[in-house]
Protein backbone atom coordinates (compact mmCIF):
# COMPACT_ATOMS: atom_id res chain seq x y z
CA MET A 1 0.00 0.00 0.00
CA ASP A 2 1.61 3.23 -1.16
CA ALA A 3 1.30 6.63 0.52
CA ARG A 4 -1.62 7.84 -1.65
CA GLU A 5 -3.62 4.68 -1.02
CA GLN A 6 -2.99 4.86 2.73
CA ARG A 7 -4.01 8.52 2.81
CA GLY A 8 -7.13 7.69 0.82
CA LEU A 9 -8.07 5.05 3.39
CA GLU A 10 -7.68 7.62 6.17
CA ILE A 11 -9.91 10.10 4.31
CA ALA A 12 -12.58 7.43 3.77
CA ALA A 13 -12.49 6.57 7.47
CA LYS A 14 -12.61 10.12 8.87
CA ALA A 15 -14.23 12.41 6.26
CA LYS A 16 -17.79 12.56 4.97
CA LEU A 17 -18.00 11.94 1.22
CA GLN A 18 -21.06 13.07 -0.73
CA GLN A 19 -22.51 11.57 -3.92
CA GLN A 20 -24.61 13.18 -6.62
CA GLY A 21 -25.29 10.85 -9.52
CA ASP A 22 -21.98 9.55 -10.90
CA ARG A 23 -19.95 12.25 -9.17
CA TRP A 24 -18.44 12.07 -5.71
CA PHE A 25 -17.33 15.07 -3.69
CA VAL A 26 -14.32 14.57 -1.42
CA PRO A 27 -13.52 17.34 1.10
CA SER A 28 -10.10 18.94 0.70
CA GLN A 29 -7.73 18.19 3.56
CA SER A 30 -5.66 21.35 3.25
CA GLY A 31 -7.85 23.73 1.24
CA ARG A 32 -7.66 24.39 -2.49
CA THR A 33 -5.53 27.26 -3.71
CA GLY A 34 -7.51 30.45 -3.56
CA MET A 35 -10.54 28.73 -2.09
CA ALA A 36 -11.94 27.99 1.36
CA ALA A 37 -10.44 25.19 3.43
CA ASN A 38 -13.75 23.28 3.39
CA SER A 39 -13.91 23.00 -0.45
CA TYR A 40 -14.41 19.75 -2.28
CA TYR A 41 -12.73 17.86 -5.11
CA THR A 42 -14.92 16.16 -7.71
CA VAL A 43 -14.20 12.50 -8.43
CA LEU A 44 -15.61 10.33 -11.24
CA PRO A 45 -14.90 6.76 -10.08
CA ASP A 46 -14.81 5.10 -13.49
CA VAL A 47 -13.32 1.59 -13.32
CA ALA A 48 -11.21 1.99 -16.48
CA ASN A 49 -10.38 5.69 -16.28
CA PRO A 50 -11.13 7.37 -12.91
CA ALA A 51 -10.83 11.15 -12.81
CA CYS A 52 -10.34 13.83 -10.17
CA ASP A 53 -9.90 17.59 -10.53
CA CYS A 54 -7.15 17.80 -7.87
CA PRO A 55 -3.66 19.02 -8.95
CA ASP A 56 -2.07 15.67 -8.11
CA HIS A 57 -4.21 13.82 -10.66
CA GLU A 58 -4.48 16.52 -13.33
CA THR A 59 -0.78 17.47 -13.31
CA ARG A 60 0.91 14.12 -12.71
CA GLY A 61 -1.80 11.86 -14.10
CA VAL A 62 -1.53 9.50 -11.11
CA LYS A 63 -4.27 7.87 -9.11
CA CYS A 64 -4.71 10.35 -6.28
CA LYS A 65 -5.79 9.86 -2.68
CA HIS A 66 -9.27 11.24 -3.41
CA ILE A 67 -9.93 8.48 -5.97
CA TYR A 68 -8.73 5.89 -3.44
CA ALA A 69 -11.03 7.39 -0.81
CA VAL A 70 -14.05 7.08 -3.10
CA GLU A 71 -13.13 3.51 -4.01
CA TYR A 72 -12.85 2.51 -0.34
CA THR A 73 -16.18 4.18 0.39
CA ILE A 74 -17.87 2.36 -2.48
CA ARG A 75 -16.27 -0.89 -1.37
CA ARG A 76 -17.84 -0.51 2.05
CA GLU A 77 -21.29 0.04 0.59
CA PHE A 78 -21.29 -2.24 -2.46
CA THR A 79 -20.33 -5.82 -3.25
CA ASP A 80 -19.48 -7.13 -6.71
CA ASP A 81 -20.00 -10.83 -7.40
CA GLY A 82 -18.44 -10.58 -10.86
CA GLU A 83 -21.71 -10.52 -12.78
CA THR A 84 -24.12 -8.28 -10.99
CA GLN A 85 -23.66 -5.46 -8.53
CA THR A 86 -25.96 -5.34 -5.52
CA VAL A 87 -26.40 -2.62 -2.98
CA GLN A 88 -26.08 -3.58 0.67
CA GLU A 89 -28.31 -1.33 2.72
CA THR A 90 -27.24 -1.04 6.33
CA VAL A 91 -30.15 -0.50 8.68
CA THR A 92 -29.25 0.64 12.18
CA VAL A 93 -31.49 -1.06 14.70
CA LYS A 94 -31.51 0.45 18.16
CA LYS A 95 -30.68 -2.19 20.73
CA THR A 96 -33.24 -2.39 23.48
CA TYR A 97 -33.03 -4.08 26.86
CA LYS A 98 -35.84 -5.79 28.68
CA GLN A 99 -36.70 -4.16 31.98
CA GLU A 100 -36.83 -6.51 34.95
CA TRP A 101 -39.92 -4.89 36.34
CA THR A 102 -40.25 -7.18 39.36
CA SER A 103 -36.72 -6.42 40.55
CA TYR A 104 -37.03 -2.75 39.62
CA ASN A 105 -40.26 -2.33 41.58
CA LYS A 106 -38.82 -3.99 44.67
CA ALA A 107 -35.70 -1.84 44.51
CA GLN A 108 -37.65 1.39 44.15
CA THR A 109 -40.28 0.67 46.78
CA THR A 110 -37.70 -0.30 49.42
CA GLU A 111 -34.90 2.05 48.38
CA LYS A 112 -35.23 4.57 51.20
CA ASP A 113 -35.08 1.92 53.90
CA GLN A 114 -32.25 0.04 52.21
CA PHE A 115 -30.38 3.30 51.66
CA GLN A 116 -30.25 4.06 55.38
CA VAL A 117 -29.08 0.55 56.23
CA LEU A 118 -26.29 0.56 53.63
CA LEU A 119 -25.23 4.09 54.55
CA ARG A 120 -25.00 3.20 58.22
CA GLU A 121 -22.92 0.09 57.45
CA LEU A 122 -20.68 2.12 55.16
CA CYS A 123 -20.15 4.90 57.72
CA SER A 124 -19.40 2.39 60.47
CA GLY A 125 -15.93 1.89 59.01
CA VAL A 126 -15.00 5.56 59.33
CA GLY A 127 -12.54 6.29 62.10
CA GLU A 128 -13.05 9.04 64.62
CA PRO A 129 -10.62 12.00 64.27
CA SER A 130 -9.16 13.24 67.51
CA GLN A 131 -10.63 16.35 69.14
CA ARG A 132 -8.57 18.36 71.60
CA ASN A 133 -10.71 21.38 72.40
CA GLY A 134 -14.32 22.48 72.31
CA ARG A 135 -17.64 20.88 73.08
CA PRO A 136 -17.82 17.15 72.19
CA ARG A 137 -19.14 16.89 68.69
CA LEU A 138 -21.38 14.34 67.03
CA PRO A 139 -19.48 11.18 65.97
CA PHE A 140 -17.82 11.69 62.59
CA ALA A 141 -19.60 8.69 61.07
CA GLU A 142 -22.96 10.19 62.04
CA MET A 143 -21.96 13.52 60.47
CA ILE A 144 -21.43 11.76 57.15
CA PHE A 145 -24.67 9.82 57.57
CA ALA A 146 -26.68 13.00 58.24
CA THR A 147 -25.20 15.03 55.37
CA THR A 148 -25.46 12.23 52.78
CA PHE A 149 -28.99 11.30 53.83
CA LYS A 150 -29.98 14.97 53.64
CA VAL A 151 -28.62 15.29 50.08
CA TYR A 152 -30.43 12.07 49.17
CA SER A 153 -33.74 13.45 50.47
CA THR A 154 -33.46 16.59 48.22
CA VAL A 155 -35.52 18.63 50.72
CA SER A 156 -34.55 21.58 52.88
CA GLN A 157 -32.76 21.09 56.19
CA ARG A 158 -35.84 21.94 58.25
CA ARG A 159 -38.13 19.55 56.38
CA PHE A 160 -35.42 16.88 56.51
CA MET A 161 -35.59 16.72 60.32
CA SER A 162 -38.53 14.29 60.26
CA ASP A 163 -36.42 11.85 58.22
CA LEU A 164 -33.53 12.29 60.64
CA ARG A 165 -35.78 11.60 63.61
CA ASP A 166 -36.98 8.44 61.87
CA ALA A 167 -33.35 7.37 61.32
CA HIS A 168 -32.68 7.98 65.03
CA ALA A 169 -35.68 5.86 66.00
CA LYS A 170 -34.32 3.01 63.85
CA GLY A 171 -30.94 3.23 65.58
CA HIS A 172 -28.93 4.54 62.63
CA ILE A 173 -27.70 7.58 64.62
CA SER A 174 -27.33 8.11 68.35
CA LYS A 175 -28.55 11.71 68.45
CA VAL A 176 -30.64 14.00 66.25
CA PRO A 177 -28.56 17.11 65.45
CA HIS A 178 -29.92 20.61 64.97
CA PHE A 179 -30.86 21.38 61.36
CA ASN A 180 -28.21 24.11 61.16
CA SER A 181 -25.55 21.58 62.15
CA ILE A 182 -25.88 19.85 58.76
CA SER A 183 -24.64 23.02 57.03
CA ASN A 184 -21.75 23.20 59.47
CA TYR A 185 -20.83 19.59 58.73
CA LEU A 186 -20.70 20.29 54.99
CA GLU A 187 -18.33 23.20 55.56
CA ASN A 188 -15.84 20.95 57.33
CA GLU A 189 -12.79 20.43 55.09
CA ALA A 190 -11.95 17.20 56.89
CA LEU A 191 -15.11 15.67 55.43
CA THR A 192 -13.84 15.75 51.81
CA PRO A 193 -11.27 12.90 51.91
CA TYR A 194 -13.66 10.72 53.90
CA LEU A 195 -16.41 11.15 51.31
CA LYS A 196 -14.00 10.20 48.51
CA MET A 197 -12.96 7.15 50.50
CA LEU A 198 -16.60 6.12 51.00
CA ILE A 199 -17.35 6.57 47.28
CA GLU A 200 -14.48 4.24 46.51
CA GLU A 201 -15.60 1.73 49.15
CA SER A 202 -19.21 1.79 47.94
CA SER A 203 -18.10 0.71 44.45
CA LEU A 204 -16.12 -2.35 45.62
CA PRO A 205 -19.09 -4.79 45.87
CA LEU A 206 -19.33 -4.51 42.06
CA GLN A 207 -15.71 -5.48 41.39
CA ALA A 208 -16.68 -8.77 39.75
CA ILE A 209 -19.24 -7.11 37.49
CA GLU A 210 -17.48 -4.04 36.09
CA SER A 211 -14.55 -4.33 33.68
CA ASP A 212 -15.31 -1.57 31.13
CA PHE A 213 -15.23 2.06 32.26
CA ALA A 214 -15.93 5.54 30.93
CA VAL A 215 -14.65 9.00 31.89
CA ASP A 216 -16.28 12.41 31.55
CA SER A 217 -17.04 15.63 33.42
CA SER A 218 -20.09 17.79 34.04
CA GLY A 219 -20.95 20.96 35.91
CA PHE A 220 -23.19 21.47 38.95
CA SER A 221 -24.44 25.02 39.28
CA ALA A 222 -24.21 26.86 42.60
CA CYS A 223 -26.83 28.99 44.28
CA ARG A 224 -24.89 32.24 43.86
CA PHE A 225 -24.21 34.39 40.83
CA PHE A 226 -20.79 35.76 39.94
CA GLN A 227 -19.55 38.70 41.98
CA TRP A 228 -20.57 42.18 40.81
CA VAL A 229 -16.97 43.41 40.58
CA ASP A 230 -16.11 40.59 38.15
CA ALA A 231 -19.24 41.21 36.10
CA LYS A 232 -18.69 44.96 35.92
CA TYR A 233 -14.96 45.18 35.20
CA THR A 234 -14.06 41.77 33.70
CA ASN A 235 -16.96 40.27 31.79
CA PRO A 236 -20.40 41.97 31.80
CA THR A 237 -22.09 38.76 30.56
CA LEU A 238 -21.40 37.15 33.95
CA MET A 239 -24.13 39.26 35.54
CA THR A 240 -26.77 36.71 34.56
CA LYS A 241 -24.71 33.54 35.09
CA ARG A 242 -24.36 31.36 38.14
CA ASP A 243 -21.12 29.99 39.46
CA TRP A 244 -20.58 26.22 39.25
CA VAL A 245 -18.17 23.42 40.10
CA LYS A 246 -16.97 20.72 37.75
CA VAL A 247 -17.23 17.03 38.63
CA HIS A 248 -14.83 14.61 36.91
CA LEU A 249 -15.66 10.94 37.37
CA MET A 250 -15.07 7.43 36.09
CA CYS A 251 -17.92 4.93 36.14
CA GLY A 252 -18.63 1.35 35.17
CA VAL A 253 -20.67 1.01 31.99
CA LYS A 254 -22.91 -1.81 33.27
CA THR A 255 -24.21 -0.60 36.63
CA ASN A 256 -23.19 3.08 36.34
CA VAL A 257 -21.41 2.92 39.68
CA VAL A 258 -18.82 5.67 40.18
CA THR A 259 -15.36 4.26 40.90
CA ALA A 260 -13.36 7.51 41.21
CA VAL A 261 -14.18 11.23 41.36
CA GLU A 262 -12.40 14.57 41.37
CA ILE A 263 -13.86 18.06 41.87
CA SER A 264 -12.39 21.15 40.19
CA ASP A 265 -13.17 24.78 39.40
CA ARG A 266 -15.53 25.57 36.56
CA PHE A 267 -12.89 26.27 33.88
CA ALA A 268 -10.50 23.39 34.64
CA ASN A 269 -9.41 21.30 31.65
CA ASP A 270 -10.60 17.71 31.49
CA SER A 271 -7.47 15.93 30.26
CA PRO A 272 -5.27 16.34 33.40
CA PHE A 273 -7.88 14.53 35.51
CA PHE A 274 -7.83 11.41 33.33
CA LYS A 275 -4.74 9.82 34.89
CA PRO A 276 -5.77 10.15 38.59
CA LEU A 277 -9.22 8.73 37.79
CA VAL A 278 -7.77 5.75 35.90
CA ASP A 279 -5.09 5.11 38.52
CA ALA A 280 -7.63 5.20 41.36
CA THR A 281 -9.97 2.80 39.57
CA ALA A 282 -7.12 0.42 38.66
CA GLN A 283 -6.33 -0.05 42.36
CA ASN A 284 -9.66 -1.81 42.91
CA PHE A 285 -10.86 -3.05 39.50
CA THR A 286 -9.43 -5.15 36.68
CA MET A 287 -9.93 -2.89 33.69
CA ALA A 288 -10.44 -4.18 30.14
CA GLN A 289 -11.56 -1.01 28.34
CA VAL A 290 -11.60 2.71 29.08
CA SER A 291 -13.67 5.06 26.92
CA ALA A 292 -13.45 8.84 26.79
CA ASP A 293 -14.21 11.61 24.32
CA LYS A 294 -11.72 13.64 22.29
CA ALA A 295 -11.10 16.11 25.12
CA TYR A 296 -8.99 13.42 26.83
CA LEU A 297 -6.89 12.57 23.76
CA SER A 298 -3.15 12.64 24.47
CA ALA A 299 -0.28 10.20 24.20
CA ALA A 300 0.16 10.32 27.99
CA ASN A 301 -3.48 9.36 28.62
CA LEU A 302 -3.30 6.52 26.08
CA GLN A 303 -0.18 5.25 27.80
CA THR A 304 -1.84 5.47 31.23
CA VAL A 305 -4.57 3.04 30.19
CA LEU A 306 -2.11 0.67 28.50
CA ASP A 307 0.04 0.65 31.64
CA HIS A 308 -2.91 -0.89 33.46
CA HIS A 309 -3.28 -3.61 30.78
CA ALA A 310 -6.49 -2.10 29.41
CA MET A 311 -7.49 -0.83 25.97
CA PRO A 312 -8.11 2.92 25.54
CA PHE A 313 -10.94 3.94 23.22
CA ILE A 314 -10.39 7.68 22.71
CA PRO A 315 -11.16 8.83 19.13
CA PHE A 316 -8.63 10.96 17.29
CA LYS A 317 -9.42 14.50 16.20
CA SER A 318 -9.64 15.63 12.58
CA ASN A 319 -6.36 17.53 12.98
CA SER A 320 -4.53 14.77 14.87
CA GLU A 321 -0.99 14.07 13.74
CA PRO A 322 -1.07 11.07 11.35
CA ALA A 323 0.64 7.89 12.53
CA ARG A 324 3.31 8.01 9.83
CA ARG A 325 4.44 11.47 10.99
CA SER A 326 4.35 10.92 14.74
CA LYS A 327 7.44 9.98 16.73
CA ASN A 328 5.49 8.53 19.66
CA THR A 329 5.12 4.74 19.37
CA VAL A 330 1.88 4.54 21.37
CA TRP A 331 0.36 7.34 19.30
CA ARG A 332 1.31 5.64 16.02
CA ARG A 333 -0.10 2.28 17.03
CA MET A 334 -3.38 3.66 18.40
CA TYR A 335 -3.79 5.93 15.38
CA ALA A 336 -3.36 2.95 13.05
CA TYR A 337 -5.77 0.87 15.15
CA TYR A 338 -8.32 3.69 15.07
CA THR A 339 -7.97 4.12 11.30
CA TYR A 340 -8.14 0.49 10.23
CA ASN A 341 -10.66 -0.85 12.79
CA GLN A 342 -13.36 1.80 12.65
CA ASP A 343 -16.38 -0.46 13.22
CA TYR A 344 -15.01 -2.25 16.28
CA PHE A 345 -13.43 0.92 17.65
CA MET A 346 -16.63 2.96 17.48
CA ALA A 347 -18.72 0.11 18.91
CA SER A 348 -16.43 -0.01 21.93
CA TYR A 349 -16.09 3.77 22.14
CA HIS A 350 -19.85 4.30 22.32
CA LYS A 351 -19.90 2.55 25.68
CA ARG A 352 -18.88 6.04 26.78
CA SER A 353 -22.55 7.01 26.48
CA ASN A 354 -23.06 5.32 29.84
CA VAL A 355 -21.14 8.05 31.64
CA GLU A 356 -23.66 10.54 30.23
CA THR A 357 -26.35 8.28 31.67
CA THR A 358 -24.58 8.35 35.02
CA PHE A 359 -24.61 12.15 35.16
CA HIS A 360 -28.26 12.15 34.08
CA MET A 361 -29.13 9.72 36.88
CA ILE A 362 -27.38 11.87 39.49
CA LYS A 363 -28.83 15.18 38.31
CA SER A 364 -32.38 13.99 37.71
CA LYS A 365 -32.58 12.27 41.08
CA PHE A 366 -30.60 14.57 43.37
CA GLY A 367 -30.71 17.84 41.44
CA ASP A 368 -28.30 19.54 39.05
CA SER A 369 -27.54 22.44 41.40
CA LEU A 370 -25.88 22.84 44.80
CA ARG A 371 -27.55 24.56 47.74
CA SER A 372 -24.34 25.28 49.65
CA LYS A 373 -22.75 28.73 49.49
CA THR A 374 -19.09 28.18 50.33
CA LYS A 375 -16.68 26.35 48.03
CA THR A 376 -15.82 23.65 50.59
CA ALA A 377 -19.48 22.93 51.26
CA GLN A 378 -20.21 22.79 47.51
CA VAL A 379 -17.48 20.19 47.00
CA ASN A 380 -18.76 18.09 49.89
CA GLU A 381 -22.35 18.37 48.70
CA ALA A 382 -21.36 17.23 45.20
CA LEU A 383 -19.50 14.26 46.71
CA CYS A 384 -22.57 13.39 48.78
CA LYS A 385 -24.61 13.24 45.55
CA ILE A 386 -22.09 10.79 44.08
CA LEU A 387 -22.11 8.67 47.24
CA ALA A 388 -25.91 8.58 47.31
CA HIS A 389 -25.92 7.57 43.64
CA ASN A 390 -23.53 4.67 44.32
CA LEU A 391 -25.71 3.36 47.12
CA CYS A 392 -28.75 3.49 44.82
CA CYS A 393 -26.80 1.50 42.21
CA LEU A 394 -26.01 -1.10 44.88
CA ILE A 395 -29.66 -1.34 45.90
CA GLN A 396 -30.68 -1.92 42.28
CA SER A 397 -27.99 -4.61 41.92
CA MET A 398 -29.20 -6.30 45.12
CA PHE A 399 -32.50 -7.13 43.45
CA GLU A 400 -31.44 -7.51 39.81
CA LEU A 401 -28.13 -9.37 40.33
CA ASN A 402 -28.79 -10.90 43.76
CA LEU A 403 -25.86 -8.91 45.12
CA LYS A 404 -25.14 -8.86 48.85
CA PRO A 405 -22.98 -5.79 49.54
CA GLU A 406 -20.31 -6.09 52.19
CA PHE A 407 -18.17 -3.11 53.16
CA TRP A 408 -14.71 -2.98 54.71
CA ALA A 409 -14.20 -6.69 54.00
CA SER A 410 -10.40 -6.46 53.97
CA GLU A 411 -10.32 -4.58 57.27
CA LEU A 412 -12.67 -7.03 58.97
CA ALA A 413 -10.97 -10.17 57.61
């Protein structure tokens, strides 16, 4: 395969070719002289004498990359048995999944009770930080229980008190705190690492089920607008916009359980968070595939997944450096794999859609905004949403997969 034929295969795989009658229109890769960069070359794919109006074909009289691209496109869509030519029409059928309504109904109707039981068992493994001064506080495990249960309820702190009294009557907490105390708990910076630890622990019962994972980020809006001084002197359009925090997470594509999470400011780039999410998940799960969109494309991120003996499915951009011109071995190999295995690559890549489902589940159930006002409380509230989501995934798996969650197994063994 010469250079023109290889380049034609890349164009057929990445570009959109249009057909009108006998003529095919192939988009220019670099822009025609004196014309816009999105112009097209016209190709007549005659078997005996193909023609193209590009300079390479008209000046040199050679078979150019645009002719090869059209031939590869036709080869994908047509088959020739030597006598007759038949058109193969590809019909995309949306795959549907049968809903296990019996299991689903049991999970939903008992979720609130099961949620409190699982949350109490999960919080029981949290150690108690030392306290030197001040009035004795509520046990740290009960702080986490109260804040996470409050976020799960989606109601205000005052209306949540009836649920907290019910949890106290069932023995999940030793004392009912004041409703203002919940806000104070969320503003405690010491709560953040514990919530991340509990999110990780809550995903472990699904170790044997999840092997394919997806990464993405999404924003959760805050209750406050941007400051007036920033809106007046920096960017006037901020006057009508709310502040927000960005949640970066990795989830399993089967149960949508979150295996790792990071919180950043609203304008943080996505790509730097890929490695810590993959590394954290690899500590607890055996990964086979990791899917992510083009925002995470880099040689370092591809190498990170390969280092954990998994396959990265991150599509290349239209302006990505071709494999033959790249000096990075991982980049060259993944670029060639992406180019020559389009069908399998895209089928595996589209498992990434499940991370969009995960964010939709979290936002639709627990809200897409944060009630807290301070940055620390907003981070902790967002983590509580993720933790509540994981427990709901476990409850669903208990009825659908006959799962029996056990927490802190290694510590108790």
